[in-house]
Amino acid sequence: MRVWPVFFTVLGLTSTLLLIGFANKGNDRSVCNKVVITLDNQLNNHFIDDNDIMSMLTNGYTEIIEGAPYSNINVRKLENRVIDNSYVQEAEVYRDLKGNLLVNVKLRRPVARIVQYDGPDAYISEDGSILPVSDKFSSRVLIISGAKSKEIAGLDNINNTDYDQLFELIKHVNVDNFWKAQIAQVVLEDNGEVKLLPQITKQYIEFGDLNHIENKFSRLKIFYKEILPRKGWNVYSRVNVKYKNQIICE
């Protein structure tokens, strides 16, 4: 008959210990255990690293996150701090069941560099955003120069502007490995026409306006694939594809 009191006593002690264990786990999860940063799209983009993200989260390392109670951590505020950086395309900040603060960041990738003679350079990203240059890293991308470069550098985004067609040309060069290897620079003339400067050969390319981009590149490829191998790579100083159905070489 004494078995039952002992059983209930053991059961009560076990329940108490379990409740204490669950409470402790709950307390552990209410404190930021660790900040785990994941950077996406780092290929050819070293403008921002984990230390930079941590600096953004902690307001220049003036605030403590790891070890701080989550009641003192405003996750949305931290997320906005990261998104405010022009090199960041997307950011998501949240906590997991282990009490870690997870920070997932997608970076913008530069596809062209705007060069100015009377102002700072800038980058154009793959989504059209205009990005500042950095002392930390220089990306080897297509160069944009000439009369209109200052105006482009002053934009927030090149999409849905007068330079939509320029952005199409940039994308056309960047998605084609042949053109990426051939074209080094795009020069924007005062009259709205474009001149292309090659990576290797010495002749410059009179591209004309930015209409019929694909057709002009098709004719230009004939020049590179068929004419230059027969005539010699440095025979011509100029090639003109701005007139319909014509390739003019001089």
C-alpha atoms as a PDB file:
ATOM      1  CA  MET A   1       0.000   0.000   0.000  1.00  0.00           C
ATOM      2  CA  ARG A   2       3.043   2.293   0.398  1.00  0.00           C
ATOM      3  CA  VAL A   3       3.922   2.002  -3.279  1.00  0.00           C
ATOM      4  CA  TRP A   4       1.375   4.597  -4.406  1.00  0.00           C
ATOM      5  CA  PRO A   5       2.633   7.512  -2.248  1.00  0.00           C
ATOM      6  CA  VAL A   6       6.198   6.833  -3.442  1.00  0.00           C
ATOM      7  CA  PHE A   7       5.015   6.661  -7.065  1.00  0.00           C
ATOM      8  CA  PHE A   8       3.184   9.988  -6.843  1.00  0.00           C
ATOM      9  CA  THR A   9       6.174  11.585  -5.127  1.00  0.00           C
ATOM     10  CA  VAL A  10       8.538  10.459  -7.915  1.00  0.00           C
ATOM     11  CA  LEU A  11       6.023  11.560 -10.542  1.00  0.00           C
ATOM     12  CA  GLY A  12       5.760  14.994  -8.952  1.00  0.00           C
ATOM     13  CA  LEU A  13       9.523  15.436  -8.808  1.00  0.00           C
ATOM     14  CA  THR A  14       9.885  14.316 -12.439  1.00  0.00           C
ATOM     15  CA  SER A  15       7.203  16.774 -13.583  1.00  0.00           C
ATOM     16  CA  THR A  16       8.885  19.581 -11.680  1.00  0.00           C
ATOM     17  CA  LEU A  17      12.265  18.816 -13.247  1.00  0.00           C
ATOM     18  CA  LEU A  18      10.715  18.700 -16.725  1.00  0.00           C
ATOM     19  CA  LEU A  19       9.016  22.061 -16.181  1.00  0.00           C
ATOM     20  CA  ILE A  20      12.306  23.570 -15.015  1.00  0.00           C
ATOM     21  CA  GLY A  21      14.035  22.144 -18.099  1.00  0.00           C
ATOM     22  CA  PHE A  22      11.441  23.583 -20.453  1.00  0.00           C
ATOM     23  CA  ALA A  23      11.623  26.934 -18.682  1.00  0.00           C
ATOM     24  CA  ASN A  24      15.390  27.028 -19.049  1.00  0.00           C
ATOM     25  CA  LYS A  25      15.124  26.199 -22.736  1.00  0.00           C
ATOM     26  CA  GLY A  26      12.571  28.950 -23.140  1.00  0.00           C
ATOM     27  CA  ASN A  27      14.922  31.369 -21.426  1.00  0.00           C
ATOM     28  CA  ASP A  28      17.777  30.300 -23.728  1.00  0.00           C
ATOM     29  CA  ARG A  29      15.648  31.000 -26.780  1.00  0.00           C
ATOM     30  CA  SER A  30      14.674  34.434 -25.481  1.00  0.00           C
ATOM     31  CA  VAL A  31      18.310  35.560 -25.677  1.00  0.00           C
ATOM     32  CA  CYS A  32      20.234  35.964 -28.930  1.00  0.00           C
ATOM     33  CA  ASN A  33      22.653  33.064 -28.942  1.00  0.00           C
ATOM     34  CA  LYS A  34      24.578  33.841 -32.130  1.00  0.00           C
ATOM     35  CA  VAL A  35      24.293  35.964 -35.300  1.00  0.00           C
ATOM     36  CA  VAL A  36      24.524  33.751 -38.400  1.00  0.00           C
ATOM     37  CA  ILE A  37      25.114  35.708 -41.631  1.00  0.00           C
ATOM     38  CA  THR A  38      24.625  34.220 -45.110  1.00  0.00           C
ATOM     39  CA  LEU A  39      25.660  36.266 -48.161  1.00  0.00           C
ATOM     40  CA  ASP A  40      24.255  35.334 -51.572  1.00  0.00           C
ATOM     41  CA  ASN A  41      25.667  36.470 -54.933  1.00  0.00           C
ATOM     42  CA  GLN A  42      29.218  37.023 -53.660  1.00  0.00           C
ATOM     43  CA  LEU A  43      30.740  35.888 -56.970  1.00  0.00           C
ATOM     44  CA  ASN A  44      32.766  38.815 -58.343  1.00  0.00           C
ATOM     45  CA  ASN A  45      31.302  40.997 -55.599  1.00  0.00           C
ATOM     46  CA  HIS A  46      33.557  41.606 -52.617  1.00  0.00           C
ATOM     47  CA  PHE A  47      32.288  45.054 -51.683  1.00  0.00           C
ATOM     48  CA  ILE A  48      30.584  43.727 -48.545  1.00  0.00           C
ATOM     49  CA  ASP A  49      31.547  40.884 -46.210  1.00  0.00           C
ATOM     50  CA  ASP A  50      30.259  39.430 -42.925  1.00  0.00           C
ATOM     51  CA  ASN A  51      32.036  42.108 -40.880  1.00  0.00           C
ATOM     52  CA  ASP A  52      30.291  44.865 -42.844  1.00  0.00           C
ATOM     53  CA  ILE A  53      26.895  43.252 -42.248  1.00  0.00           C
ATOM     54  CA  MET A  54      27.628  42.905 -38.529  1.00  0.00           C
ATOM     55  CA  SER A  55      28.615  46.573 -38.418  1.00  0.00           C
ATOM     56  CA  MET A  56      25.280  47.519 -39.993  1.00  0.00           C
ATOM     57  CA  LEU A  57      23.344  45.362 -37.531  1.00  0.00           C
ATOM     58  CA  THR A  58      25.134  46.777 -34.481  1.00  0.00           C
ATOM     59  CA  ASN A  59      25.104  50.398 -35.684  1.00  0.00           C
ATOM     60  CA  GLY A  60      28.873  50.512 -36.113  1.00  0.00           C
ATOM     61  CA  TYR A  61      29.503  48.046 -33.273  1.00  0.00           C
ATOM     62  CA  THR A  62      27.938  50.427 -30.745  1.00  0.00           C
ATOM     63  CA  GLU A  63      25.106  48.008 -29.875  1.00  0.00           C
ATOM     64  CA  ILE A  64      25.217  44.452 -28.536  1.00  0.00           C
ATOM     65  CA  ILE A  65      23.156  41.746 -30.227  1.00  0.00           C
ATOM     66  CA  GLU A  66      24.722  38.421 -29.256  1.00  0.00           C
ATOM     67  CA  GLY A  67      23.752  37.723 -25.655  1.00  0.00           C
ATOM     68  CA  ALA A  68      21.069  40.413 -25.632  1.00  0.00           C
ATOM     69  CA  PRO A  69      17.431  39.466 -24.831  1.00  0.00           C
ATOM     70  CA  TYR A  70      15.168  39.356 -27.857  1.00  0.00           C
ATOM     71  CA  SER A  71      12.814  41.713 -26.045  1.00  0.00           C
ATOM     72  CA  ASN A  72      15.473  44.393 -26.683  1.00  0.00           C
ATOM     73  CA  ILE A  73      16.066  43.428 -30.338  1.00  0.00           C
ATOM     74  CA  ASN A  74      13.934  45.011 -33.044  1.00  0.00           C
ATOM     75  CA  VAL A  75      14.308  42.548 -35.920  1.00  0.00           C
ATOM     76  CA  ARG A  76      12.586  44.799 -38.494  1.00  0.00           C
ATOM     77  CA  LYS A  77      14.874  47.692 -37.551  1.00  0.00           C
ATOM     78  CA  LEU A  78      17.938  45.517 -38.068  1.00  0.00           C
ATOM     79  CA  GLU A  79      16.603  44.345 -41.420  1.00  0.00           C
ATOM     80  CA  ASN A  80      16.068  47.927 -42.566  1.00  0.00           C
ATOM     81  CA  ARG A  81      19.615  48.865 -41.580  1.00  0.00           C
ATOM     82  CA  VAL A  82      20.955  46.193 -43.917  1.00  0.00           C
ATOM     83  CA  ILE A  83      18.552  46.973 -46.788  1.00  0.00           C
ATOM     84  CA  ASP A  84      19.523  50.657 -46.628  1.00  0.00           C
ATOM     85  CA  ASN A  85      22.969  49.752 -47.979  1.00  0.00           C
ATOM     86  CA  SER A  86      23.006  50.293 -51.755  1.00  0.00           C
ATOM     87  CA  TYR A  87      24.957  47.074 -52.388  1.00  0.00           C
ATOM     88  CA  VAL A  88      22.202  45.018 -50.738  1.00  0.00           C
ATOM     89  CA  GLN A  89      19.359  43.898 -52.983  1.00  0.00           C
ATOM     90  CA  GLU A  90      17.393  41.870 -50.435  1.00  0.00           C
ATOM     91  CA  ALA A  91      17.718  41.159 -46.718  1.00  0.00           C
ATOM     92  CA  GLU A  92      15.832  38.935 -44.299  1.00  0.00           C
ATOM     93  CA  VAL A  93      16.449  38.885 -40.537  1.00  0.00           C
ATOM     94  CA  TYR A  94      14.735  36.390 -38.203  1.00  0.00           C
ATOM     95  CA  ARG A  95      15.470  34.055 -35.306  1.00  0.00           C
ATOM     96  CA  ASP A  96      15.432  30.259 -35.260  1.00  0.00           C
ATOM     97  CA  LEU A  97      14.353  27.788 -32.595  1.00  0.00           C
ATOM     98  CA  LYS A  98      17.901  27.606 -31.191  1.00  0.00           C
ATOM     99  CA  GLY A  99      17.941  31.302 -30.375  1.00  0.00           C
ATOM    100  CA  ASN A 100      20.211  32.265 -33.282  1.00  0.00           C
ATOM    101  CA  LEU A 101      19.573  35.429 -35.269  1.00  0.00           C
ATOM    102  CA  LEU A 102      19.674  34.489 -38.959  1.00  0.00           C
ATOM    103  CA  VAL A 103      20.627  37.206 -41.457  1.00  0.00           C
ATOM    104  CA  ASN A 104      20.227  36.293 -45.142  1.00  0.00           C
ATOM    105  CA  VAL A 105      21.509  38.901 -47.592  1.00  0.00           C
ATOM    106  CA  LYS A 106      21.445  38.997 -51.395  1.00  0.00           C
ATOM    107  CA  LEU A 107      23.997  41.380 -52.887  1.00  0.00           C
ATOM    108  CA  ARG A 108      23.702  43.408 -56.066  1.00  0.00           C
ATOM    109  CA  ARG A 109      26.231  42.500 -58.760  1.00  0.00           C
ATOM    110  CA  PRO A 110      27.853  45.307 -60.798  1.00  0.00           C
ATOM    111  CA  VAL A 111      27.748  44.835 -64.588  1.00  0.00           C
ATOM    112  CA  ALA A 112      29.216  48.174 -65.741  1.00  0.00           C
ATOM    113  CA  ARG A 113      31.296  51.031 -64.348  1.00  0.00           C
ATOM    114  CA  ILE A 114      30.508  54.672 -65.129  1.00  0.00           C
ATOM    115  CA  VAL A 115      33.664  56.763 -65.527  1.00  0.00           C
ATOM    116  CA  GLN A 116      33.450  60.549 -65.150  1.00  0.00           C
ATOM    117  CA  TYR A 117      36.155  63.110 -65.704  1.00  0.00           C
ATOM    118  CA  ASP A 118      34.560  65.680 -63.379  1.00  0.00           C
ATOM    119  CA  GLY A 119      32.991  63.512 -60.710  1.00  0.00           C
ATOM    120  CA  PRO A 120      33.208  60.187 -58.868  1.00  0.00           C
ATOM    121  CA  ASP A 121      32.799  56.912 -60.714  1.00  0.00           C
ATOM    122  CA  ALA A 122      29.794  54.669 -60.103  1.00  0.00           C
ATOM    123  CA  TYR A 123      28.592  51.163 -60.930  1.00  0.00           C
ATOM    124  CA  ILE A 124      25.452  49.934 -62.664  1.00  0.00           C
ATOM    125  CA  SER A 125      24.141  46.729 -61.090  1.00  0.00           C
ATOM    126  CA  GLU A 126      22.375  43.868 -62.845  1.00  0.00           C
ATOM    127  CA  ASP A 127      19.000  45.232 -61.671  1.00  0.00           C
ATOM    128  CA  GLY A 128      19.818  48.729 -62.984  1.00  0.00           C
ATOM    129  CA  SER A 129      20.644  50.346 -59.627  1.00  0.00           C
ATOM    130  CA  ILE A 130      23.426  52.935 -59.545  1.00  0.00           C
ATOM    131  CA  LEU A 131      26.009  52.006 -56.901  1.00  0.00           C
ATOM    132  CA  PRO A 132      28.953  53.966 -55.465  1.00  0.00           C
ATOM    133  CA  VAL A 133      32.498  52.737 -55.967  1.00  0.00           C
ATOM    134  CA  SER A 134      34.423  51.330 -53.035  1.00  0.00           C
ATOM    135  CA  ASP A 135      37.991  51.643 -51.763  1.00  0.00           C
ATOM    136  CA  LYS A 136      37.693  48.012 -50.706  1.00  0.00           C
ATOM    137  CA  PHE A 137      37.230  46.338 -54.074  1.00  0.00           C
ATOM    138  CA  SER A 138      37.204  47.207 -57.788  1.00  0.00           C
ATOM    139  CA  SER A 139      35.073  45.091 -60.119  1.00  0.00           C
ATOM    140  CA  ARG A 140      36.362  44.419 -63.636  1.00  0.00           C
ATOM    141  CA  VAL A 141      33.309  45.202 -65.742  1.00  0.00           C
ATOM    142  CA  LEU A 142      32.286  47.051 -68.901  1.00  0.00           C
ATOM    143  CA  ILE A 143      33.274  50.753 -68.839  1.00  0.00           C
ATOM    144  CA  ILE A 144      30.692  53.481 -69.624  1.00  0.00           C
ATOM    145  CA  SER A 145      32.136  56.908 -70.442  1.00  0.00           C
ATOM    146  CA  GLY A 146      31.488  60.009 -72.495  1.00  0.00           C
ATOM    147  CA  ALA A 147      29.209  63.048 -72.523  1.00  0.00           C
ATOM    148  CA  LYS A 148      26.244  61.445 -70.742  1.00  0.00           C
ATOM    149  CA  SER A 149      28.124  59.581 -68.015  1.00  0.00           C
ATOM    150  CA  LYS A 150      27.600  62.288 -65.373  1.00  0.00           C
ATOM    151  CA  GLU A 151      23.848  62.276 -65.926  1.00  0.00           C
ATOM    152  CA  ILE A 152      23.669  58.483 -65.623  1.00  0.00           C
ATOM    153  CA  ALA A 153      25.771  58.475 -62.438  1.00  0.00           C
ATOM    154  CA  GLY A 154      23.250  60.865 -60.877  1.00  0.00           C
ATOM    155  CA  LEU A 155      20.352  58.441 -61.287  1.00  0.00           C
ATOM    156  CA  ASP A 156      19.096  55.995 -58.651  1.00  0.00           C
ATOM    157  CA  ASN A 157      18.276  53.358 -61.252  1.00  0.00           C
ATOM    158  CA  ILE A 158      18.771  53.262 -65.015  1.00  0.00           C
ATOM    159  CA  ASN A 159      15.533  51.324 -65.620  1.00  0.00           C
ATOM    160  CA  ASN A 160      12.544  53.253 -66.988  1.00  0.00           C
ATOM    161  CA  THR A 161      14.700  56.234 -67.964  1.00  0.00           C
ATOM    162  CA  ASP A 162      16.029  57.673 -71.215  1.00  0.00           C
ATOM    163  CA  TYR A 163      18.874  55.177 -70.870  1.00  0.00           C
ATOM    164  CA  ASP A 164      16.799  51.998 -71.107  1.00  0.00           C
ATOM    165  CA  GLN A 165      18.416  51.140 -74.435  1.00  0.00           C
ATOM    166  CA  LEU A 166      21.902  51.629 -73.004  1.00  0.00           C
ATOM    167  CA  PHE A 167      20.994  49.156 -70.267  1.00  0.00           C
ATOM    168  CA  GLU A 168      19.838  46.711 -72.965  1.00  0.00           C
ATOM    169  CA  LEU A 169      23.241  47.052 -74.663  1.00  0.00           C
ATOM    170  CA  ILE A 170      25.029  46.431 -71.359  1.00  0.00           C
ATOM    171  CA  LYS A 171      22.954  43.304 -70.752  1.00  0.00           C
ATOM    172  CA  HIS A 172      23.530  42.112 -74.330  1.00  0.00           C
ATOM    173  CA  VAL A 173      27.309  42.310 -73.829  1.00  0.00           C
ATOM    174  CA  ASN A 174      27.256  40.698 -70.382  1.00  0.00           C
ATOM    175  CA  VAL A 175      25.169  37.649 -71.271  1.00  0.00           C
ATOM    176  CA  ASP A 176      27.356  36.775 -74.261  1.00  0.00           C
ATOM    177  CA  ASN A 177      30.829  35.444 -73.435  1.00  0.00           C
ATOM    178  CA  PHE A 178      32.095  36.413 -76.896  1.00  0.00           C
ATOM    179  CA  TRP A 179      31.141  40.064 -76.461  1.00  0.00           C
ATOM    180  CA  LYS A 180      32.332  40.147 -72.865  1.00  0.00           C
ATOM    181  CA  ALA A 181      35.754  39.138 -74.168  1.00  0.00           C
ATOM    182  CA  GLN A 182      35.681  41.674 -77.027  1.00  0.00           C
ATOM    183  CA  ILE A 183      34.060  44.893 -75.767  1.00  0.00           C
ATOM    184  CA  ALA A 184      35.900  46.921 -73.124  1.00  0.00           C
ATOM    185  CA  GLN A 185      34.187  50.303 -73.193  1.00  0.00           C
ATOM    186  CA  VAL A 186      31.042  52.113 -74.347  1.00  0.00           C
ATOM    187  CA  VAL A 187      31.501  55.813 -75.170  1.00  0.00           C
ATOM    188  CA  LEU A 188      28.354  57.974 -75.168  1.00  0.00           C
ATOM    189  CA  GLU A 189      28.708  60.792 -77.688  1.00  0.00           C
ATOM    190  CA  ASP A 190      27.106  64.262 -77.455  1.00  0.00           C
ATOM    191  CA  ASN A 191      24.785  63.477 -80.378  1.00  0.00           C
ATOM    192  CA  GLY A 192      23.354  60.404 -78.645  1.00  0.00           C
ATOM    193  CA  GLU A 193      25.353  57.914 -80.690  1.00  0.00           C
ATOM    194  CA  VAL A 194      27.609  55.246 -79.236  1.00  0.00           C
ATOM    195  CA  LYS A 195      31.188  54.197 -79.920  1.00  0.00           C
ATOM    196  CA  LEU A 196      32.525  50.820 -78.730  1.00  0.00           C
ATOM    197  CA  LEU A 197      36.175  50.268 -77.822  1.00  0.00           C
ATOM    198  CA  PRO A 198      37.472  46.677 -78.048  1.00  0.00           C
ATOM    199  CA  GLN A 199      39.532  44.729 -75.512  1.00  0.00           C
ATOM    200  CA  ILE A 200      42.210  43.463 -77.888  1.00  0.00           C
ATOM    201  CA  THR A 201      42.085  44.832 -81.442  1.00  0.00           C
ATOM    202  CA  LYS A 202      42.902  48.480 -82.176  1.00  0.00           C
ATOM    203  CA  GLN A 203      39.902  49.562 -84.288  1.00  0.00           C
ATOM    204  CA  TYR A 204      37.005  51.422 -82.665  1.00  0.00           C
ATOM    205  CA  ILE A 205      33.414  50.602 -83.552  1.00  0.00           C
ATOM    206  CA  GLU A 206      30.903  53.215 -84.666  1.00  0.00           C
ATOM    207  CA  PHE A 207      27.705  51.674 -83.339  1.00  0.00           C
ATOM    208  CA  GLY A 208      25.390  54.623 -84.030  1.00  0.00           C
ATOM    209  CA  ASP A 209      22.238  55.075 -81.966  1.00  0.00           C
ATOM    210  CA  LEU A 210      20.923  52.375 -79.647  1.00  0.00           C
ATOM    211  CA  ASN A 211      18.155  51.139 -81.946  1.00  0.00           C
ATOM    212  CA  HIS A 212      18.335  47.640 -83.488  1.00  0.00           C
ATOM    213  CA  ILE A 213      21.009  46.502 -81.034  1.00  0.00           C
ATOM    214  CA  GLU A 214      20.792  42.796 -81.882  1.00  0.00           C
ATOM    215  CA  ASN A 215      21.002  43.419 -85.626  1.00  0.00           C
ATOM    216  CA  LYS A 216      24.084  45.608 -85.220  1.00  0.00           C
ATOM    217  CA  PHE A 217      25.815  43.023 -83.038  1.00  0.00           C
ATOM    218  CA  SER A 218      24.985  40.340 -85.618  1.00  0.00           C
ATOM    219  CA  ARG A 219      26.766  42.357 -88.311  1.00  0.00           C
ATOM    220  CA  LEU A 220      29.610  43.131 -85.960  1.00  0.00           C
ATOM    221  CA  LYS A 221      30.058  39.420 -85.290  1.00  0.00           C
ATOM    222  CA  ILE A 222      30.467  38.872 -89.051  1.00  0.00           C
ATOM    223  CA  PHE A 223      33.292  41.420 -88.933  1.00  0.00           C
ATOM    224  CA  TYR A 224      35.026  39.565 -86.088  1.00  0.00           C
ATOM    225  CA  LYS A 225      34.355  36.024 -87.294  1.00  0.00           C
ATOM    226  CA  GLU A 226      34.813  36.364 -91.056  1.00  0.00           C
ATOM    227  CA  ILE A 227      36.520  39.616 -92.066  1.00  0.00           C
ATOM    228  CA  LEU A 228      39.259  40.056 -89.457  1.00  0.00           C
ATOM    229  CA  PRO A 229      40.586  36.459 -89.665  1.00  0.00           C
ATOM    230  CA  ARG A 230      41.075  36.928 -93.433  1.00  0.00           C
ATOM    231  CA  LYS A 231      42.332  40.515 -93.506  1.00  0.00           C
ATOM    232  CA  GLY A 232      44.247  40.658 -90.239  1.00  0.00           C
ATOM    233  CA  TRP A 233      43.232  41.714 -86.746  1.00  0.00           C
ATOM    234  CA  ASN A 234      44.804  45.175 -86.853  1.00  0.00           C
ATOM    235  CA  VAL A 235      44.403  46.128 -90.509  1.00  0.00           C
ATOM    236  CA  TYR A 236      41.412  48.401 -89.884  1.00  0.00           C
ATOM    237  CA  SER A 237      41.273  51.406 -87.584  1.00  0.00           C
ATOM    238  CA  ARG A 238      37.486  51.813 -87.716  1.00  0.00           C
ATOM    239  CA  VAL A 239      34.404  49.682 -88.345  1.00  0.00           C
ATOM    240  CA  ASN A 240      30.928  51.159 -88.804  1.00  0.00           C
ATOM    241  CA  VAL A 241      27.693  49.192 -88.299  1.00  0.00           C
ATOM    242  CA  LYS A 242      25.288  52.080 -87.721  1.00  0.00           C
ATOM    243  CA  TYR A 243      23.797  51.949 -91.219  1.00  0.00           C
ATOM    244  CA  LYS A 244      21.223  49.281 -92.033  1.00  0.00           C
ATOM    245  CA  ASN A 245      22.613  46.106 -93.642  1.00  0.00           C
ATOM    246  CA  GLN A 246      26.120  47.581 -93.929  1.00  0.00           C
ATOM    247  CA  ILE A 247      29.574  46.892 -92.461  1.00  0.00           C
ATOM    248  CA  ILE A 248      31.997  49.682 -93.317  1.00  0.00           C
ATOM    249  CA  CYS A 249      35.663  48.998 -92.600  1.00  0.00           C
ATOM    250  CA  GLU A 250      38.493  51.508 -92.926  1.00  0.00           C
END
